[in-house]
């Protein structure tokens, strides 16, 4: 097996979504684009010549966007976790992905304007939650439960018992 590529099913706006994601994530690019031909157009109801799929990369992670029609919608059962080095990165991804109609949620989760769920978290957060001392991990969990966007300093304070 070469690798696993997530496929994101959009109604008709895969190209808009991909361009949005490319503007948010550095080191990202479109690899290939395929268009609806006669047979696929008849089978799907999508216009002939419109975008069928776009293979793209976000920071080296491959994705495929599909204009598949209105049959399926995104939900929180699947999300993409963005591991951030510092608060500046958290702020950048949080603000960018919630722009233009995205929705903030709790504990570092959000939905972008296309309905895709993301988790914007600091590097090392999972280690904080797995602390051997259960009181430490509980403090971190309690701090996180009070947040929408993650605040690294507050998490560190909770971890250190400050």
N, C-alpha and C. Protein backbone atom coordinates (compact mmCIF):
# COMPACT_ATOMS: atom_id res chain seq x y z
N UNK A 1 0.84 -1.18 0.00
CA UNK A 1 0.00 0.00 0.00
C UNK A 1 0.89 1.25 0.00
N UNK A 2 0.57 2.17 -0.85
CA UNK A 2 1.37 3.39 -0.95
C UNK A 2 1.05 4.35 0.20
N UNK A 3 -0.21 4.74 0.37
CA UNK A 3 -0.64 5.62 1.45
C UNK A 3 -2.16 5.71 1.47
N UNK A 4 -2.70 6.38 2.47
CA UNK A 4 -4.14 6.60 2.59
C UNK A 4 -4.42 8.07 2.30
N UNK A 5 -5.41 8.32 1.45
CA UNK A 5 -5.79 9.68 1.09
C UNK A 5 -7.24 9.93 1.46
N UNK A 6 -7.51 10.86 2.38
CA UNK A 6 -8.90 11.18 2.68
C UNK A 6 -9.58 11.82 1.47
N UNK A 7 -10.83 11.44 1.25
CA UNK A 7 -11.65 12.02 0.17
C UNK A 7 -12.75 12.85 0.82
N UNK A 8 -12.83 14.11 0.44
CA UNK A 8 -13.84 15.02 0.97
C UNK A 8 -14.93 15.22 -0.07
N UNK A 9 -16.16 14.87 0.27
CA UNK A 9 -17.30 14.93 -0.64
C UNK A 9 -17.98 16.29 -0.51
N UNK A 10 -17.96 17.05 -1.57
CA UNK A 10 -18.65 18.35 -1.62
C UNK A 10 -19.82 18.24 -2.58
N UNK A 11 -20.74 19.17 -2.47
CA UNK A 11 -21.88 19.21 -3.38
C UNK A 11 -21.38 19.68 -4.75
N UNK A 12 -21.05 20.97 -4.85
CA UNK A 12 -20.59 21.56 -6.10
C UNK A 12 -19.39 22.49 -5.91
N UNK A 13 -18.92 22.64 -4.68
CA UNK A 13 -17.93 23.68 -4.42
C UNK A 13 -16.55 23.14 -4.00
N UNK A 14 -16.16 21.99 -4.52
CA UNK A 14 -14.85 21.42 -4.19
C UNK A 14 -13.72 22.38 -4.58
N UNK A 15 -13.82 23.00 -5.73
CA UNK A 15 -12.76 23.90 -6.18
C UNK A 15 -12.62 25.10 -5.24
N UNK A 16 -13.74 25.67 -4.83
CA UNK A 16 -13.72 26.79 -3.88
C UNK A 16 -13.10 26.35 -2.55
N UNK A 17 -13.48 25.17 -2.08
CA UNK A 17 -12.96 24.66 -0.81
C UNK A 17 -11.45 24.43 -0.91
N UNK A 18 -11.00 23.79 -1.97
CA UNK A 18 -9.57 23.53 -2.12
C UNK A 18 -8.79 24.83 -2.16
N UNK A 19 -9.26 25.80 -2.90
CA UNK A 19 -8.57 27.10 -2.95
C UNK A 19 -8.53 27.76 -1.58
N UNK A 20 -9.60 27.62 -0.81
CA UNK A 20 -9.62 28.14 0.56
C UNK A 20 -8.56 27.46 1.41
N UNK A 21 -8.51 26.13 1.37
CA UNK A 21 -7.53 25.39 2.17
C UNK A 21 -6.10 25.72 1.76
N UNK A 22 -5.87 25.91 0.45
CA UNK A 22 -4.53 26.29 -0.01
C UNK A 22 -4.12 27.66 0.52
N UNK A 23 -5.10 28.54 0.73
CA UNK A 23 -4.79 29.87 1.27
C UNK A 23 -4.49 29.82 2.77
N UNK A 24 -4.99 28.81 3.46
CA UNK A 24 -4.81 28.69 4.91
C UNK A 24 -3.51 27.98 5.26
N UNK A 25 -3.18 26.90 4.53
CA UNK A 25 -2.04 26.06 4.86
C UNK A 25 -0.87 26.34 3.93
N UNK A 26 0.29 26.64 4.54
CA UNK A 26 1.51 26.85 3.75
C UNK A 26 1.95 25.53 3.14
N UNK A 27 2.82 25.59 2.17
CA UNK A 27 3.38 24.39 1.54
C UNK A 27 2.28 23.47 1.01
N UNK A 28 1.31 24.04 0.36
CA UNK A 28 0.18 23.28 -0.15
C UNK A 28 0.03 23.51 -1.65
N UNK A 29 -0.56 22.52 -2.33
CA UNK A 29 -0.66 22.64 -3.78
C UNK A 29 -1.73 21.70 -4.34
N UNK A 30 -2.22 22.06 -5.51
CA UNK A 30 -3.09 21.18 -6.28
C UNK A 30 -2.18 20.28 -7.10
N UNK A 31 -2.47 18.99 -7.08
CA UNK A 31 -1.68 18.03 -7.84
C UNK A 31 -2.33 17.74 -9.18
N UNK A 32 -3.61 17.38 -9.19
CA UNK A 32 -4.32 17.10 -10.44
C UNK A 32 -5.79 17.47 -10.29
N UNK A 33 -6.42 17.73 -11.41
CA UNK A 33 -7.87 18.00 -11.44
C UNK A 33 -8.48 17.18 -12.56
N UNK A 34 -9.61 16.54 -12.26
CA UNK A 34 -10.36 15.77 -13.28
C UNK A 34 -11.73 16.42 -13.43
N UNK A 35 -12.29 16.27 -14.64
CA UNK A 35 -13.56 16.92 -14.96
C UNK A 35 -14.61 15.88 -15.36
N UNK A 36 -15.87 16.22 -15.16
CA UNK A 36 -16.95 15.34 -15.54
C UNK A 36 -17.02 15.22 -17.05
N UNK A 37 -17.01 13.98 -17.53
CA UNK A 37 -17.24 13.69 -18.93
C UNK A 37 -18.71 13.34 -19.12
N UNK A 38 -19.05 12.87 -20.29
CA UNK A 38 -20.43 12.55 -20.64
C UNK A 38 -21.03 11.49 -19.71
N UNK A 39 -20.37 10.36 -19.55
CA UNK A 39 -20.92 9.25 -18.76
C UNK A 39 -21.07 9.63 -17.30
N UNK A 40 -20.03 10.22 -16.71
CA UNK A 40 -20.08 10.59 -15.29
C UNK A 40 -21.12 11.68 -15.06
N UNK A 41 -21.26 12.58 -16.00
CA UNK A 41 -22.25 13.64 -15.89
C UNK A 41 -23.67 13.07 -15.86
N UNK A 42 -23.95 12.12 -16.75
CA UNK A 42 -25.27 11.49 -16.77
C UNK A 42 -25.54 10.71 -15.49
N UNK A 43 -24.54 10.03 -14.99
CA UNK A 43 -24.71 9.20 -13.79
C UNK A 43 -24.92 10.04 -12.53
N UNK A 44 -24.27 11.20 -12.47
CA UNK A 44 -24.28 11.99 -11.24
C UNK A 44 -25.23 13.18 -11.27
N UNK A 45 -25.57 13.64 -12.45
CA UNK A 45 -26.36 14.86 -12.56
C UNK A 45 -25.51 16.13 -12.51
N UNK A 46 -24.20 15.97 -12.41
CA UNK A 46 -23.31 17.13 -12.40
C UNK A 46 -23.05 17.57 -13.85
N UNK A 47 -22.85 18.85 -14.08
CA UNK A 47 -22.66 19.34 -15.45
C UNK A 47 -21.38 18.80 -16.10
N UNK A 48 -21.49 18.40 -17.36
CA UNK A 48 -20.33 17.97 -18.13
C UNK A 48 -19.32 19.12 -18.17
N UNK A 49 -18.05 18.79 -17.95
CA UNK A 49 -16.99 19.79 -17.97
C UNK A 49 -16.73 20.44 -16.62
N UNK A 50 -17.61 20.20 -15.63
CA UNK A 50 -17.37 20.77 -14.29
C UNK A 50 -16.36 19.89 -13.55
N UNK A 51 -15.81 20.42 -12.46
CA UNK A 51 -14.79 19.71 -11.69
C UNK A 51 -15.40 18.46 -11.05
N UNK A 52 -14.77 17.33 -11.30
CA UNK A 52 -15.14 16.05 -10.67
C UNK A 52 -14.31 15.86 -9.39
N UNK A 53 -12.99 15.83 -9.53
CA UNK A 53 -12.10 15.64 -8.39
C UNK A 53 -10.90 16.57 -8.48
N UNK A 54 -10.36 16.88 -7.32
CA UNK A 54 -9.11 17.62 -7.22
C UNK A 54 -8.25 16.88 -6.21
N UNK A 55 -7.09 16.44 -6.64
CA UNK A 55 -6.10 15.87 -5.72
C UNK A 55 -5.20 17.03 -5.29
N UNK A 56 -5.05 17.18 -3.97
CA UNK A 56 -4.25 18.30 -3.46
C UNK A 56 -3.52 17.88 -2.20
N UNK A 57 -2.55 18.71 -1.81
CA UNK A 57 -1.76 18.48 -0.60
C UNK A 57 -1.85 19.69 0.31
N UNK A 58 -1.97 19.42 1.60
CA UNK A 58 -1.88 20.45 2.63
C UNK A 58 -0.72 20.05 3.54
N UNK A 59 0.36 20.82 3.49
CA UNK A 59 1.56 20.51 4.28
C UNK A 59 2.01 19.07 4.12
N UNK A 60 1.95 18.55 2.91
CA UNK A 60 2.42 17.20 2.63
C UNK A 60 1.37 16.11 2.77
N UNK A 61 0.22 16.40 3.38
CA UNK A 61 -0.85 15.41 3.51
C UNK A 61 -1.72 15.47 2.25
N UNK A 62 -1.88 14.32 1.59
CA UNK A 62 -2.70 14.28 0.39
C UNK A 62 -4.18 14.17 0.74
N UNK A 63 -4.99 14.83 -0.07
CA UNK A 63 -6.45 14.78 0.02
C UNK A 63 -7.01 14.70 -1.39
N UNK A 64 -8.25 14.28 -1.48
CA UNK A 64 -8.99 14.39 -2.73
C UNK A 64 -10.32 15.07 -2.40
N UNK A 65 -10.69 16.05 -3.19
CA UNK A 65 -11.99 16.71 -3.08
C UNK A 65 -12.84 16.24 -4.25
N UNK A 66 -14.07 15.88 -3.97
CA UNK A 66 -15.00 15.35 -4.97
C UNK A 66 -16.26 16.19 -4.99
N UNK A 67 -16.66 16.63 -6.17
CA UNK A 67 -17.98 17.25 -6.34
C UNK A 67 -18.96 16.12 -6.61
N UNK A 68 -19.57 15.60 -5.56
CA UNK A 68 -20.42 14.43 -5.70
C UNK A 68 -21.90 14.71 -5.63
N UNK A 69 -22.29 15.97 -5.40
CA UNK A 69 -23.70 16.29 -5.27
C UNK A 69 -24.13 16.40 -3.82
N UNK A 70 -25.41 16.67 -3.60
CA UNK A 70 -25.90 16.98 -2.25
C UNK A 70 -26.24 15.77 -1.38
N UNK A 71 -25.85 14.58 -1.78
CA UNK A 71 -26.26 13.37 -1.08
C UNK A 71 -25.71 13.27 0.34
N UNK A 72 -24.42 13.60 0.54
CA UNK A 72 -23.78 13.43 1.85
C UNK A 72 -23.31 14.77 2.40
N UNK A 73 -23.35 14.90 3.71
CA UNK A 73 -22.90 16.12 4.40
C UNK A 73 -21.81 15.75 5.40
N UNK A 74 -20.94 16.70 5.67
CA UNK A 74 -19.90 16.52 6.68
C UNK A 74 -20.53 16.55 8.07
N UNK A 75 -19.91 15.85 9.02
CA UNK A 75 -20.29 15.97 10.42
C UNK A 75 -19.06 15.76 11.29
N UNK A 76 -19.24 15.90 12.60
CA UNK A 76 -18.11 15.86 13.52
C UNK A 76 -17.53 14.47 13.73
N UNK A 77 -18.12 13.45 13.15
CA UNK A 77 -17.60 12.09 13.33
C UNK A 77 -16.19 11.95 12.75
N UNK A 78 -15.84 12.82 11.82
CA UNK A 78 -14.48 12.84 11.26
C UNK A 78 -14.00 14.29 11.33
N UNK A 79 -12.77 14.46 11.83
CA UNK A 79 -12.17 15.79 11.87
C UNK A 79 -10.70 15.67 11.53
N UNK A 80 -10.11 16.79 11.20
CA UNK A 80 -8.69 16.85 10.89
C UNK A 80 -7.99 17.63 12.00
N UNK A 81 -6.98 17.02 12.60
CA UNK A 81 -6.26 17.63 13.70
C UNK A 81 -5.04 18.37 13.18
N UNK A 82 -4.94 19.63 13.54
CA UNK A 82 -3.81 20.46 13.17
C UNK A 82 -2.97 20.68 14.43
N UNK A 83 -1.77 20.11 14.44
CA UNK A 83 -0.87 20.22 15.58
C UNK A 83 -0.04 21.49 15.42
N UNK A 84 -0.19 22.43 16.35
CA UNK A 84 0.44 23.74 16.25
C UNK A 84 1.59 23.89 17.22
N UNK A 85 2.66 24.52 16.75
CA UNK A 85 3.88 24.70 17.55
C UNK A 85 3.74 25.77 18.63
N UNK A 86 2.91 26.79 18.38
CA UNK A 86 2.80 27.90 19.34
C UNK A 86 1.43 28.56 19.21
N UNK A 87 1.18 29.54 20.08
CA UNK A 87 -0.12 30.21 20.09
C UNK A 87 -0.36 30.97 18.79
N UNK A 88 0.68 31.50 18.21
CA UNK A 88 0.54 32.22 16.94
C UNK A 88 -0.03 31.29 15.86
N UNK A 89 0.46 30.05 15.80
CA UNK A 89 -0.08 29.09 14.83
C UNK A 89 -1.52 28.73 15.16
N UNK A 90 -1.81 28.50 16.43
CA UNK A 90 -3.19 28.21 16.83
C UNK A 90 -4.10 29.34 16.39
N UNK A 91 -3.72 30.58 16.68
CA UNK A 91 -4.53 31.74 16.31
C UNK A 91 -4.72 31.82 14.79
N UNK A 92 -3.64 31.58 14.04
CA UNK A 92 -3.72 31.64 12.57
C UNK A 92 -4.73 30.63 12.03
N UNK A 93 -4.58 29.37 12.41
CA UNK A 93 -5.47 28.34 11.86
C UNK A 93 -6.89 28.51 12.37
N UNK A 94 -7.04 28.86 13.63
CA UNK A 94 -8.37 29.07 14.19
C UNK A 94 -9.09 30.20 13.46
N UNK A 95 -8.41 31.34 13.37
CA UNK A 95 -9.03 32.51 12.74
C UNK A 95 -9.28 32.28 11.26
N UNK A 96 -8.36 31.63 10.57
CA UNK A 96 -8.52 31.38 9.14
C UNK A 96 -9.66 30.42 8.86
N UNK A 97 -9.69 29.32 9.60
CA UNK A 97 -10.70 28.28 9.33
C UNK A 97 -12.10 28.67 9.80
N UNK A 98 -12.21 29.61 10.75
CA UNK A 98 -13.54 30.06 11.16
C UNK A 98 -14.01 31.27 10.36
N UNK A 99 -13.14 31.82 9.50
CA UNK A 99 -13.51 33.00 8.73
C UNK A 99 -14.58 32.66 7.68
N UNK A 100 -15.33 33.66 7.32
CA UNK A 100 -16.30 33.52 6.24
C UNK A 100 -17.46 32.60 6.53
N UNK A 101 -17.78 32.39 7.78
CA UNK A 101 -18.94 31.56 8.10
C UNK A 101 -18.63 30.28 8.83
N UNK A 102 -17.37 30.08 9.24
CA UNK A 102 -17.04 28.91 10.05
C UNK A 102 -17.66 29.04 11.43
N UNK A 103 -17.69 27.93 12.17
CA UNK A 103 -18.32 27.93 13.48
C UNK A 103 -17.35 27.42 14.54
N UNK A 104 -17.18 28.21 15.60
CA UNK A 104 -16.37 27.78 16.73
C UNK A 104 -17.15 26.75 17.53
N UNK A 105 -16.44 25.83 18.11
CA UNK A 105 -17.05 24.85 19.00
C UNK A 105 -16.26 24.86 20.30
N UNK A 106 -16.23 23.77 21.00
CA UNK A 106 -15.56 23.69 22.29
C UNK A 106 -14.29 22.86 22.16
N UNK A 107 -13.34 23.12 23.06
CA UNK A 107 -12.15 22.28 23.22
C UNK A 107 -11.25 22.23 21.99
N UNK A 108 -11.15 23.34 21.26
CA UNK A 108 -10.28 23.39 20.10
C UNK A 108 -10.90 22.88 18.81
N UNK A 109 -12.19 22.59 18.82
CA UNK A 109 -12.88 22.10 17.62
C UNK A 109 -13.58 23.26 16.93
N UNK A 110 -13.65 23.16 15.61
CA UNK A 110 -14.39 24.13 14.81
C UNK A 110 -14.87 23.46 13.53
N UNK A 111 -15.81 24.11 12.89
CA UNK A 111 -16.23 23.72 11.54
C UNK A 111 -15.91 24.89 10.63
N UNK A 112 -15.32 24.60 9.47
CA UNK A 112 -15.08 25.68 8.52
C UNK A 112 -16.37 25.98 7.75
N UNK A 113 -16.32 26.95 6.87
CA UNK A 113 -17.52 27.38 6.14
C UNK A 113 -18.09 26.31 5.22
N UNK A 114 -17.34 25.23 4.99
CA UNK A 114 -17.82 24.14 4.15
C UNK A 114 -18.39 22.99 4.99
N UNK A 115 -18.30 23.12 6.32
CA UNK A 115 -18.82 22.10 7.21
C UNK A 115 -17.81 21.05 7.64
N UNK A 116 -16.54 21.19 7.21
CA UNK A 116 -15.49 20.24 7.59
C UNK A 116 -15.04 20.57 9.02
N UNK A 117 -14.92 19.53 9.86
CA UNK A 117 -14.50 19.70 11.25
C UNK A 117 -12.99 19.63 11.39
N UNK A 118 -12.46 20.50 12.22
CA UNK A 118 -11.03 20.59 12.49
C UNK A 118 -10.80 20.67 14.00
N UNK A 119 -9.68 20.14 14.45
CA UNK A 119 -9.21 20.31 15.82
C UNK A 119 -7.89 21.07 15.75
N UNK A 120 -7.84 22.22 16.38
CA UNK A 120 -6.64 23.05 16.38
C UNK A 120 -6.03 22.94 17.77
N UNK A 121 -4.95 22.18 17.88
CA UNK A 121 -4.39 21.86 19.19
C UNK A 121 -2.88 22.06 19.22
N UNK A 122 -2.34 22.32 20.41
CA UNK A 122 -0.88 22.48 20.51
C UNK A 122 -0.16 21.14 20.49
N UNK A 123 1.04 21.15 19.93
CA UNK A 123 1.91 19.99 20.01
C UNK A 123 2.13 19.69 21.49
N UNK A 124 2.06 18.42 21.87
CA UNK A 124 2.28 18.03 23.25
C UNK A 124 1.03 17.96 24.09
N UNK A 125 -0.10 18.37 23.53
CA UNK A 125 -1.34 18.36 24.29
C UNK A 125 -1.72 16.95 24.73
N UNK A 126 -1.56 15.98 23.83
CA UNK A 126 -1.91 14.61 24.19
C UNK A 126 -1.03 14.08 25.33
N UNK A 127 0.23 14.51 25.38
CA UNK A 127 1.10 14.10 26.48
C UNK A 127 0.61 14.69 27.81
N UNK A 128 0.12 15.94 27.75
CA UNK A 128 -0.43 16.55 28.96
C UNK A 128 -1.62 15.75 29.49
N UNK A 129 -2.46 15.29 28.57
CA UNK A 129 -3.64 14.51 28.98
C UNK A 129 -3.28 13.12 29.48
N UNK A 130 -2.11 12.63 29.08
CA UNK A 130 -1.67 11.29 29.50
C UNK A 130 -0.69 11.34 30.67
N UNK A 131 -0.64 12.44 31.37
CA UNK A 131 0.29 12.56 32.49
C UNK A 131 0.08 11.40 33.45
N UNK A 132 1.18 10.88 33.99
CA UNK A 132 1.10 9.74 34.91
C UNK A 132 0.33 10.11 36.17
N UNK A 133 0.45 11.34 36.60
CA UNK A 133 -0.28 11.83 37.76
C UNK A 133 -1.69 12.20 37.30
N UNK A 134 -2.68 11.49 37.77
CA UNK A 134 -4.06 11.73 37.32
C UNK A 134 -4.56 13.12 37.70
N UNK A 135 -4.06 13.69 38.79
CA UNK A 135 -4.47 15.05 39.17
C UNK A 135 -4.00 16.05 38.11
N UNK A 136 -2.81 15.82 37.57
CA UNK A 136 -2.28 16.69 36.52
C UNK A 136 -3.14 16.60 35.27
N UNK A 137 -3.42 15.40 34.82
CA UNK A 137 -4.24 15.24 33.61
C UNK A 137 -5.65 15.78 33.83
N UNK A 138 -6.19 15.65 35.02
CA UNK A 138 -7.51 16.21 35.33
C UNK A 138 -7.50 17.73 35.25
N UNK A 139 -6.45 18.36 35.77
CA UNK A 139 -6.35 19.82 35.68
C UNK A 139 -6.31 20.28 34.22
N UNK A 140 -5.56 19.56 33.40
CA UNK A 140 -5.47 19.91 31.97
C UNK A 140 -6.84 19.73 31.31
N UNK A 141 -7.50 18.61 31.60
CA UNK A 141 -8.83 18.37 31.02
C UNK A 141 -9.81 19.45 31.44
N UNK A 142 -9.81 19.80 32.72
CA UNK A 142 -10.72 20.84 33.20
C UNK A 142 -10.44 22.18 32.55
N UNK A 143 -9.16 22.51 32.35
CA UNK A 143 -8.81 23.76 31.67
C UNK A 143 -9.31 23.74 30.23
N UNK A 144 -9.08 22.62 29.54
CA UNK A 144 -9.50 22.52 28.14
C UNK A 144 -11.02 22.64 28.01
N UNK A 145 -11.75 22.06 28.93
CA UNK A 145 -13.22 22.09 28.86
C UNK A 145 -13.79 23.50 28.99
N UNK A 146 -12.99 24.44 29.46
CA UNK A 146 -13.41 25.83 29.59
C UNK A 146 -13.12 26.64 28.32
N UNK A 147 -12.48 26.03 27.35
CA UNK A 147 -11.99 26.76 26.18
C UNK A 147 -12.83 26.48 24.94
N UNK A 148 -12.83 27.45 24.04
CA UNK A 148 -13.23 27.21 22.65
C UNK A 148 -11.91 27.02 21.91
N UNK A 149 -11.23 28.14 21.60
CA UNK A 149 -9.89 28.07 21.00
C UNK A 149 -8.90 27.73 22.11
N UNK A 150 -7.96 26.83 21.81
CA UNK A 150 -6.96 26.42 22.79
C UNK A 150 -6.04 27.58 23.17
N UNK A 151 -5.72 27.67 24.44
CA UNK A 151 -4.79 28.66 24.98
C UNK A 151 -3.64 27.89 25.61
N UNK A 152 -2.50 27.91 24.93
CA UNK A 152 -1.35 27.12 25.37
C UNK A 152 -0.91 27.49 26.78
N UNK A 153 -0.86 28.77 27.10
CA UNK A 153 -0.38 29.18 28.42
C UNK A 153 -1.30 28.65 29.52
N UNK A 154 -2.60 28.71 29.32
CA UNK A 154 -3.54 28.20 30.32
C UNK A 154 -3.40 26.69 30.47
N UNK A 155 -3.16 25.99 29.37
CA UNK A 155 -2.95 24.54 29.45
C UNK A 155 -1.67 24.22 30.21
N UNK A 156 -0.59 24.97 29.92
CA UNK A 156 0.67 24.76 30.62
C UNK A 156 0.53 25.05 32.12
N UNK A 157 -0.20 26.13 32.44
CA UNK A 157 -0.43 26.46 33.84
C UNK A 157 -1.17 25.33 34.55
N UNK A 158 -2.17 24.78 33.90
CA UNK A 158 -2.92 23.67 34.48
C UNK A 158 -2.02 22.46 34.66
N UNK A 159 -1.19 22.19 33.67
CA UNK A 159 -0.29 21.05 33.72
C UNK A 159 0.71 21.19 34.88
N UNK A 160 1.20 22.41 35.06
CA UNK A 160 2.19 22.66 36.10
C UNK A 160 1.58 22.92 37.46
N UNK A 161 0.23 22.97 37.51
CA UNK A 161 -0.44 23.20 38.79
C UNK A 161 -0.43 24.64 39.24
N UNK A 162 -0.18 25.55 38.31
CA UNK A 162 -0.11 26.99 38.66
C UNK A 162 -1.50 27.59 38.74
